[in-house]
Amino acid sequence: MALLTDEKTNKPSLWKQALRTVKGDSTTELVEQFTQEMTLVAEGLCEDQARLRKAMDGLIREADGQKAKAEQDYQDVLRQMENHQKETKQQLEELSRRVSALEKPVGKSVLGRFHLGGDMMSRITLLVGLVCATVLIVTVLKLFM
């Protein structure tokens, strides 16, 4: 019987020894080491994420600033174009008024001379004067060229 009790007492120790070789002596130490390493990795990832978030916030602020500046530049250019368009329109209207004002007296004076004069001799005199003036201008131009 004594042999049997020795066998029974050896079996549990053999079993424990086999488990120790498979598991290792310090399972809790390994778990603790793994936990520490994973904590370190998680802290590193958190720091990286915080840096990336700060960088993204900076980029967003910079992009917002550039967008605001571009919008302001666009509004300035648009205002300048509108002002230039108004000035051009005013100049065009002024020139149109001047041309209209100049057309009226010239039209009346030329038509008045030709149509109002019933005298044939005055018409012939006017035509001869125009021909002479033309010949004189052509002669002067030929002289200087």
N, C-alpha and C. Protein backbone atom coordinates (compact mmCIF):
# COMPACT_ATOMS: atom_id res chain seq x y z
N MET A 1 0.78 -1.18 0.00
CA MET A 1 0.00 0.00 0.00
C MET A 1 0.83 1.25 0.00
N ALA A 2 1.93 1.07 0.63
CA ALA A 2 2.80 2.24 0.68
C ALA A 2 3.23 2.60 -0.72
N LEU A 3 3.41 1.62 -1.54
CA LEU A 3 3.81 1.88 -2.91
C LEU A 3 2.71 2.62 -3.66
N LEU A 4 1.52 2.29 -3.39
CA LEU A 4 0.39 2.94 -4.03
C LEU A 4 0.29 4.40 -3.61
N THR A 5 0.50 4.66 -2.37
CA THR A 5 0.43 6.05 -1.93
C THR A 5 1.56 6.86 -2.51
N ASP A 6 2.73 6.24 -2.68
CA ASP A 6 3.83 6.97 -3.30
C ASP A 6 3.51 7.28 -4.76
N GLU A 7 2.87 6.33 -5.44
CA GLU A 7 2.48 6.56 -6.83
C GLU A 7 1.47 7.67 -6.93
N LYS A 8 0.49 7.66 -6.03
CA LYS A 8 -0.53 8.71 -6.05
C LYS A 8 0.08 10.06 -5.76
N THR A 9 1.01 10.11 -4.87
CA THR A 9 1.62 11.39 -4.54
C THR A 9 2.55 11.86 -5.64
N ASN A 10 3.16 10.95 -6.38
CA ASN A 10 4.04 11.32 -7.47
C ASN A 10 3.24 11.78 -8.70
N LYS A 11 2.09 11.22 -8.90
CA LYS A 11 1.31 11.58 -10.08
C LYS A 11 0.92 13.05 -10.09
N PRO A 12 0.39 13.57 -9.00
CA PRO A 12 0.06 14.99 -9.05
C PRO A 12 1.30 15.86 -9.26
N SER A 13 2.39 15.52 -8.69
CA SER A 13 3.58 16.34 -8.89
C SER A 13 4.08 16.18 -10.32
N LEU A 14 3.92 15.03 -10.90
CA LEU A 14 4.28 14.82 -12.30
C LEU A 14 3.37 15.64 -13.20
N TRP A 15 2.11 15.61 -12.84
CA TRP A 15 1.14 16.41 -13.61
C TRP A 15 1.47 17.90 -13.51
N LYS A 16 1.77 18.37 -12.34
CA LYS A 16 2.11 19.78 -12.14
C LYS A 16 3.38 20.13 -12.89
N GLN A 17 4.31 19.21 -12.88
CA GLN A 17 5.57 19.46 -13.59
C GLN A 17 5.33 19.54 -15.09
N ALA A 18 4.48 18.67 -15.61
CA ALA A 18 4.17 18.71 -17.05
C ALA A 18 3.47 20.02 -17.40
N LEU A 19 2.56 20.45 -16.56
CA LEU A 19 1.88 21.72 -16.80
C LEU A 19 2.85 22.89 -16.75
N ARG A 20 3.79 22.84 -15.84
CA ARG A 20 4.78 23.91 -15.75
C ARG A 20 5.64 23.99 -17.00
N THR A 21 5.99 22.87 -17.56
CA THR A 21 6.80 22.90 -18.77
C THR A 21 6.00 23.43 -19.96
N VAL A 22 4.73 23.10 -20.01
CA VAL A 22 3.91 23.59 -21.11
C VAL A 22 3.60 25.07 -20.91
N LYS A 23 3.13 25.39 -19.74
CA LYS A 23 2.72 26.76 -19.47
C LYS A 23 3.91 27.66 -19.15
N GLY A 24 4.85 27.17 -18.51
CA GLY A 24 5.96 27.98 -18.02
C GLY A 24 5.70 28.31 -16.57
N ASP A 25 6.76 28.65 -15.89
CA ASP A 25 6.62 28.93 -14.45
C ASP A 25 5.91 30.25 -14.19
N SER A 26 6.10 31.20 -15.05
CA SER A 26 5.61 32.54 -14.73
C SER A 26 4.53 32.99 -15.71
N THR A 27 3.43 32.32 -15.71
CA THR A 27 2.33 32.70 -16.59
C THR A 27 1.85 34.11 -16.23
N THR A 28 1.73 34.39 -14.97
CA THR A 28 1.28 35.72 -14.56
C THR A 28 2.30 36.79 -14.95
N GLU A 29 3.59 36.43 -14.88
CA GLU A 29 4.62 37.39 -15.30
C GLU A 29 4.53 37.66 -16.80
N LEU A 30 4.29 36.60 -17.58
CA LEU A 30 4.16 36.77 -19.03
C LEU A 30 2.94 37.63 -19.37
N VAL A 31 1.84 37.38 -18.67
CA VAL A 31 0.63 38.16 -18.90
C VAL A 31 0.89 39.62 -18.54
N GLU A 32 1.58 39.84 -17.43
CA GLU A 32 1.91 41.20 -16.99
C GLU A 32 2.83 41.89 -18.00
N GLN A 33 3.82 41.16 -18.51
CA GLN A 33 4.74 41.72 -19.50
C GLN A 33 3.98 42.06 -20.80
N PHE A 34 3.12 41.16 -21.23
CA PHE A 34 2.32 41.40 -22.43
C PHE A 34 1.43 42.64 -22.24
N THR A 35 0.81 42.73 -21.07
CA THR A 35 -0.06 43.87 -20.78
C THR A 35 0.74 45.17 -20.81
N GLN A 36 1.94 45.16 -20.25
CA GLN A 36 2.78 46.36 -20.25
C GLN A 36 3.16 46.76 -21.68
N GLU A 37 3.54 45.78 -22.48
CA GLU A 37 3.92 46.07 -23.87
C GLU A 37 2.73 46.62 -24.66
N MET A 38 1.57 46.03 -24.48
CA MET A 38 0.39 46.50 -25.19
C MET A 38 -0.01 47.90 -24.71
N THR A 39 0.16 48.16 -23.42
CA THR A 39 -0.11 49.50 -22.90
C THR A 39 0.83 50.52 -23.53
N LEU A 40 2.10 50.15 -23.66
CA LEU A 40 3.08 51.03 -24.28
C LEU A 40 2.71 51.30 -25.74
N VAL A 41 2.30 50.25 -26.45
CA VAL A 41 1.89 50.41 -27.85
C VAL A 41 0.65 51.31 -27.94
N ALA A 42 -0.31 51.09 -27.05
CA ALA A 42 -1.53 51.90 -27.07
C ALA A 42 -1.22 53.36 -26.75
N GLU A 43 -0.31 53.61 -25.80
CA GLU A 43 0.07 54.99 -25.49
C GLU A 43 0.76 55.64 -26.68
N GLY A 44 1.62 54.89 -27.36
CA GLY A 44 2.29 55.42 -28.55
C GLY A 44 1.29 55.75 -29.64
N LEU A 45 0.32 54.86 -29.85
CA LEU A 45 -0.72 55.12 -30.85
C LEU A 45 -1.54 56.35 -30.48
N CYS A 46 -1.83 56.50 -29.20
CA CYS A 46 -2.60 57.66 -28.74
C CYS A 46 -1.82 58.95 -28.99
N GLU A 47 -0.52 58.93 -28.70
CA GLU A 47 0.31 60.11 -28.95
C GLU A 47 0.38 60.42 -30.44
N ASP A 48 0.54 59.38 -31.25
CA ASP A 48 0.57 59.58 -32.70
C ASP A 48 -0.74 60.18 -33.19
N GLN A 49 -1.84 59.66 -32.67
CA GLN A 49 -3.15 60.17 -33.07
C GLN A 49 -3.31 61.63 -32.64
N ALA A 50 -2.83 61.98 -31.46
CA ALA A 50 -2.92 63.36 -30.99
C ALA A 50 -2.09 64.28 -31.88
N ARG A 51 -0.88 63.85 -32.27
CA ARG A 51 -0.05 64.65 -33.17
C ARG A 51 -0.72 64.81 -34.52
N LEU A 52 -1.28 63.73 -35.04
CA LEU A 52 -1.98 63.81 -36.32
C LEU A 52 -3.19 64.74 -36.24
N ARG A 53 -3.90 64.68 -35.14
CA ARG A 53 -5.07 65.55 -34.96
C ARG A 53 -4.64 67.01 -34.93
N LYS A 54 -3.53 67.31 -34.22
CA LYS A 54 -3.02 68.69 -34.19
C LYS A 54 -2.59 69.13 -35.58
N ALA A 55 -1.92 68.24 -36.30
CA ALA A 55 -1.49 68.58 -37.66
C ALA A 55 -2.70 68.83 -38.55
N MET A 56 -3.71 67.99 -38.44
CA MET A 56 -4.92 68.17 -39.24
C MET A 56 -5.63 69.48 -38.88
N ASP A 57 -5.69 69.79 -37.59
CA ASP A 57 -6.31 71.05 -37.17
C ASP A 57 -5.55 72.23 -37.76
N GLY A 58 -4.22 72.15 -37.74
CA GLY A 58 -3.41 73.21 -38.34
C GLY A 58 -3.66 73.34 -39.83
N LEU A 59 -3.72 72.21 -40.52
CA LEU A 59 -3.99 72.24 -41.95
C LEU A 59 -5.38 72.79 -42.25
N ILE A 60 -6.34 72.42 -41.44
CA ILE A 60 -7.70 72.92 -41.64
C ILE A 60 -7.75 74.43 -41.43
N ARG A 61 -7.07 74.92 -40.37
CA ARG A 61 -7.03 76.37 -40.14
C ARG A 61 -6.35 77.08 -41.30
N GLU A 62 -5.25 76.50 -41.77
CA GLU A 62 -4.53 77.11 -42.90
C GLU A 62 -5.41 77.13 -44.16
N ALA A 63 -6.10 76.02 -44.42
CA ALA A 63 -6.98 75.96 -45.59
C ALA A 63 -8.13 76.95 -45.45
N ASP A 64 -8.67 77.08 -44.24
CA ASP A 64 -9.75 78.06 -44.03
C ASP A 64 -9.25 79.48 -44.28
N GLY A 65 -8.03 79.76 -43.82
CA GLY A 65 -7.44 81.08 -44.05
C GLY A 65 -7.24 81.35 -45.53
N GLN A 66 -6.73 80.35 -46.24
CA GLN A 66 -6.53 80.51 -47.68
C GLN A 66 -7.86 80.67 -48.40
N LYS A 67 -8.86 79.93 -47.96
CA LYS A 67 -10.18 80.03 -48.58
C LYS A 67 -10.76 81.42 -48.35
N ALA A 68 -10.64 81.92 -47.12
CA ALA A 68 -11.16 83.26 -46.82
C ALA A 68 -10.43 84.32 -47.65
N LYS A 69 -9.11 84.17 -47.78
CA LYS A 69 -8.33 85.13 -48.57
C LYS A 69 -8.74 85.05 -50.04
N ALA A 70 -8.92 83.84 -50.55
CA ALA A 70 -9.33 83.69 -51.95
C ALA A 70 -10.72 84.29 -52.18
N GLU A 71 -11.63 84.08 -51.24
CA GLU A 71 -12.96 84.68 -51.37
C GLU A 71 -12.89 86.20 -51.34
N GLN A 72 -12.03 86.74 -50.45
CA GLN A 72 -11.87 88.19 -50.36
C GLN A 72 -11.28 88.73 -51.66
N ASP A 73 -10.26 88.04 -52.18
CA ASP A 73 -9.66 88.46 -53.45
C ASP A 73 -10.68 88.42 -54.58
N TYR A 74 -11.50 87.38 -54.59
CA TYR A 74 -12.54 87.25 -55.61
C TYR A 74 -13.52 88.42 -55.50
N GLN A 75 -13.94 88.74 -54.27
CA GLN A 75 -14.88 89.85 -54.08
C GLN A 75 -14.25 91.18 -54.52
N ASP A 76 -12.96 91.36 -54.21
CA ASP A 76 -12.27 92.59 -54.62
C ASP A 76 -12.22 92.71 -56.14
N VAL A 77 -11.85 91.62 -56.80
CA VAL A 77 -11.78 91.64 -58.26
C VAL A 77 -13.16 91.87 -58.86
N LEU A 78 -14.16 91.25 -58.28
CA LEU A 78 -15.53 91.43 -58.76
C LEU A 78 -15.97 92.89 -58.62
N ARG A 79 -15.65 93.51 -57.47
CA ARG A 79 -15.99 94.92 -57.28
C ARG A 79 -15.25 95.80 -58.28
N GLN A 80 -13.98 95.51 -58.51
CA GLN A 80 -13.21 96.29 -59.47
C GLN A 80 -13.80 96.17 -60.87
N MET A 81 -14.18 94.95 -61.24
CA MET A 81 -14.78 94.75 -62.56
C MET A 81 -16.11 95.50 -62.68
N GLU A 82 -16.92 95.45 -61.63
CA GLU A 82 -18.20 96.17 -61.66
C GLU A 82 -17.96 97.67 -61.78
N ASN A 83 -17.00 98.20 -61.02
CA ASN A 83 -16.69 99.63 -61.11
C ASN A 83 -16.20 100.00 -62.50
N HIS A 84 -15.32 99.16 -63.04
CA HIS A 84 -14.80 99.42 -64.39
C HIS A 84 -15.94 99.37 -65.42
N GLN A 85 -16.84 98.42 -65.24
CA GLN A 85 -17.98 98.31 -66.16
C GLN A 85 -18.87 99.55 -66.06
N LYS A 86 -19.11 100.03 -64.85
CA LYS A 86 -19.92 101.24 -64.69
C LYS A 86 -19.24 102.44 -65.34
N GLU A 87 -17.93 102.57 -65.11
CA GLU A 87 -17.20 103.69 -65.71
C GLU A 87 -17.24 103.62 -67.23
N THR A 88 -17.04 102.42 -67.77
CA THR A 88 -17.07 102.25 -69.22
C THR A 88 -18.46 102.57 -69.77
N LYS A 89 -19.48 102.13 -69.06
CA LYS A 89 -20.85 102.41 -69.50
C LYS A 89 -21.12 103.91 -69.48
N GLN A 90 -20.66 104.59 -68.43
CA GLN A 90 -20.85 106.04 -68.35
C GLN A 90 -20.11 106.75 -69.48
N GLN A 91 -18.88 106.30 -69.75
CA GLN A 91 -18.11 106.91 -70.85
C GLN A 91 -18.81 106.68 -72.18
N LEU A 92 -19.34 105.48 -72.38
CA LEU A 92 -20.05 105.17 -73.62
C LEU A 92 -21.29 106.05 -73.77
N GLU A 93 -22.03 106.20 -72.68
CA GLU A 93 -23.23 107.05 -72.73
C GLU A 93 -22.85 108.50 -73.01
N GLU A 94 -21.76 108.97 -72.38
CA GLU A 94 -21.31 110.34 -72.62
C GLU A 94 -20.89 110.53 -74.07
N LEU A 95 -20.14 109.57 -74.61
CA LEU A 95 -19.74 109.66 -76.01
C LEU A 95 -20.94 109.59 -76.95
N SER A 96 -21.91 108.75 -76.62
CA SER A 96 -23.12 108.68 -77.44
C SER A 96 -23.86 110.01 -77.43
N ARG A 97 -23.95 110.65 -76.26
CA ARG A 97 -24.60 111.96 -76.18
C ARG A 97 -23.84 113.00 -77.00
N ARG A 98 -22.53 112.97 -76.91
CA ARG A 98 -21.73 113.93 -77.67
C ARG A 98 -21.90 113.74 -79.18
N VAL A 99 -21.85 112.47 -79.61
CA VAL A 99 -22.02 112.19 -81.04
C VAL A 99 -23.40 112.64 -81.50
N SER A 100 -24.41 112.34 -80.70
CA SER A 100 -25.77 112.77 -81.06
C SER A 100 -25.86 114.29 -81.12
N ALA A 101 -25.21 114.95 -80.17
CA ALA A 101 -25.23 116.42 -80.15
C ALA A 101 -24.50 116.98 -81.36
N LEU A 102 -23.43 116.33 -81.79
CA LEU A 102 -22.68 116.82 -82.95
C LEU A 102 -23.38 116.49 -84.26
N GLU A 103 -24.12 115.39 -84.30
CA GLU A 103 -24.81 115.00 -85.53
C GLU A 103 -25.93 115.97 -85.87
N LYS A 104 -26.63 116.46 -84.89
CA LYS A 104 -27.78 117.33 -85.14
C LYS A 104 -27.39 118.63 -85.84
N PRO A 105 -26.41 119.40 -85.35
CA PRO A 105 -26.08 120.65 -86.04
C PRO A 105 -25.47 120.43 -87.41
N VAL A 106 -24.62 119.41 -87.55
CA VAL A 106 -24.00 119.15 -88.85
C VAL A 106 -25.06 118.76 -89.86
N GLY A 107 -25.94 117.91 -89.47
CA GLY A 107 -27.00 117.48 -90.38
C GLY A 107 -27.88 118.63 -90.80
N LYS A 108 -28.23 119.50 -89.88
CA LYS A 108 -29.09 120.64 -90.21
C LYS A 108 -28.37 121.64 -91.09
N SER A 109 -27.08 121.89 -90.80
CA SER A 109 -26.37 122.91 -91.58
C SER A 109 -26.12 122.45 -93.01
N VAL A 110 -25.74 121.20 -93.19
CA VAL A 110 -25.48 120.70 -94.54
C VAL A 110 -26.78 120.61 -95.31
N LEU A 111 -27.79 120.07 -94.70
CA LEU A 111 -29.08 119.96 -95.39
C LEU A 111 -29.67 121.34 -95.63
N GLY A 112 -29.45 122.23 -94.71
CA GLY A 112 -29.99 123.58 -94.87
C GLY A 112 -29.35 124.31 -96.03
N ARG A 113 -28.09 124.13 -96.24
CA ARG A 113 -27.42 124.81 -97.35
C ARG A 113 -27.88 124.28 -98.70
N PHE A 114 -28.02 122.99 -98.76
CA PHE A 114 -28.35 122.42 -100.07
C PHE A 114 -29.83 122.51 -100.39
N HIS A 115 -30.66 122.32 -99.42
CA HIS A 115 -32.09 122.25 -99.71
C HIS A 115 -32.80 123.59 -99.56
N LEU A 116 -32.29 124.38 -98.66
CA LEU A 116 -33.00 125.63 -98.43
C LEU A 116 -32.69 126.68 -99.50
N GLY A 117 -31.49 126.62 -100.03
CA GLY A 117 -31.14 127.61 -101.06
C GLY A 117 -31.84 127.30 -102.37
N GLY A 118 -32.68 128.16 -102.81
CA GLY A 118 -33.37 127.92 -104.07
C GLY A 118 -32.58 128.45 -105.25
N ASP A 119 -31.52 129.14 -104.97
CA ASP A 119 -30.72 129.76 -106.02
C ASP A 119 -29.75 128.75 -106.59
N MET A 120 -29.81 128.56 -107.87
CA MET A 120 -28.95 127.59 -108.55
C MET A 120 -27.50 128.07 -108.55
N MET A 121 -27.32 129.36 -108.63
CA MET A 121 -25.98 129.91 -108.69
C MET A 121 -25.21 129.64 -107.39
N SER A 122 -25.89 129.69 -106.24
CA SER A 122 -25.22 129.43 -104.96
C SER A 122 -24.79 127.96 -104.86
N ARG A 123 -25.58 127.10 -105.43
CA ARG A 123 -25.22 125.68 -105.43
C ARG A 123 -23.99 125.43 -106.29
N ILE A 124 -23.94 126.05 -107.45
CA ILE A 124 -22.80 125.87 -108.35
C ILE A 124 -21.54 126.46 -107.71
N THR A 125 -21.69 127.58 -107.07
CA THR A 125 -20.54 128.22 -106.41
C THR A 125 -20.00 127.32 -105.31
N LEU A 126 -20.87 126.72 -104.56
CA LEU A 126 -20.47 125.80 -103.50
C LEU A 126 -19.73 124.60 -104.07
N LEU A 127 -20.23 124.03 -105.15
CA LEU A 127 -19.57 122.88 -105.77
C LEU A 127 -18.20 123.25 -106.33
N VAL A 128 -18.09 124.42 -106.97
CA VAL A 128 -16.80 124.86 -107.51
C VAL A 128 -15.82 125.09 -106.37
N GLY A 129 -16.29 125.65 -105.27
CA GLY A 129 -15.43 125.87 -104.10
C GLY A 129 -14.91 124.55 -103.54
N LEU A 130 -15.78 123.56 -103.50
CA LEU A 130 -15.35 122.23 -103.02
C LEU A 130 -14.31 121.62 -103.93
N VAL A 131 -14.50 121.74 -105.24
CA VAL A 131 -13.53 121.19 -106.20
C VAL A 131 -12.20 121.92 -106.05
N CYS A 132 -12.21 123.23 -105.93
CA CYS A 132 -10.98 124.00 -105.78
C CYS A 132 -10.25 123.63 -104.50
N ALA A 133 -11.00 123.48 -103.43
CA ALA A 133 -10.39 123.11 -102.16
C ALA A 133 -9.75 121.73 -102.26
N THR A 134 -10.39 120.83 -102.96
CA THR A 134 -9.85 119.49 -103.13
C THR A 134 -8.57 119.53 -103.94
N VAL A 135 -8.56 120.29 -105.03
CA VAL A 135 -7.36 120.40 -105.87
C VAL A 135 -6.23 121.03 -105.07
N LEU A 136 -6.54 122.04 -104.28
CA LEU A 136 -5.53 122.71 -103.47
C LEU A 136 -4.92 121.75 -102.45
N ILE A 137 -5.74 120.97 -101.79
CA ILE A 137 -5.26 120.00 -100.79
C ILE A 137 -4.39 118.94 -101.45
N VAL A 138 -4.80 118.43 -102.60
CA VAL A 138 -4.02 117.41 -103.31
C VAL A 138 -2.68 117.99 -103.74
N THR A 139 -2.65 119.22 -104.21
CA THR A 139 -1.40 119.86 -104.65
C THR A 139 -0.45 120.04 -103.47
N VAL A 140 -0.97 120.48 -102.35
CA VAL A 140 -0.12 120.67 -101.17
C VAL A 140 0.43 119.33 -100.69
N LEU A 141 -0.39 118.32 -100.70
CA LEU A 141 0.08 117.00 -100.28
C LEU A 141 1.16 116.47 -101.21
N LYS A 142 1.02 116.66 -102.51
CA LYS A 142 2.04 116.21 -103.47
C LYS A 142 3.33 117.00 -103.28
N LEU A 143 3.22 118.26 -102.92
CA LEU A 143 4.37 119.11 -102.73
C LEU A 143 5.21 118.64 -101.54
N PHE A 144 4.56 118.22 -100.48
CA PHE A 144 5.28 117.79 -99.29
C PHE A 144 5.69 116.33 -99.33
N MET A 145 5.21 115.58 -100.23
CA MET A 145 5.59 114.17 -100.31
C MET A 145 6.62 114.00 -101.33
